Amino acid sequence: MLNETLEETLLPNGLTVEAARAEAARTYELDRAHVFHSWSAQADISPMTIVASDGCHVWDGDGNKLLDFSSMLVNTNIGHQHPKVVAAIAEQAAKLCTVAPQHANDARSEAARLIAERTPGELNKIFFTNGGADAVEHAVRMARLH
């Protein structure tokens, strides 16, 4: 490791820093051309390009290792690339990637069972949504119906 240059250093995802820089440059170019970032004056932003992650760290497009203080908006509270999560995602993707809400599937049914086991009283039916706004809209609709 001491004899390696920074460009030869491997990031957790197997990229060399040199390859990460090339990927980051393309990613940044595509981002600025096609991505509309929320809560930002588009001409004034210069988003950092993240090329790798592991545990509580991320690597930017220059190969700098950074501590992820925000947990990528708090959704990675067990760390980036946790081996058990990666394995579970790969296993489920190999089995069945997605199913429309009107159909039953084992992953959703099992998740509902696990949640229902932890809810009080007779609260044993779980309603899954695609995101926060969707959940709020359905909650308002359910409140109006009942």
Foldseek 3Di string as FASTA:
>chain_A
DVPDDQQQDADPVGHGLVRLLVVQVVVQVCCLVPPDDPPDPSVPDRDWAWRDFWFQWTATSNRDIDGNPCCVVPPNVRTPPDVVVVVVQVVCVVVDNDDDPVDDDDVVVVVLQVVQVVDDDPPRDDDDDDDDVRVVVVVVVVVVVD
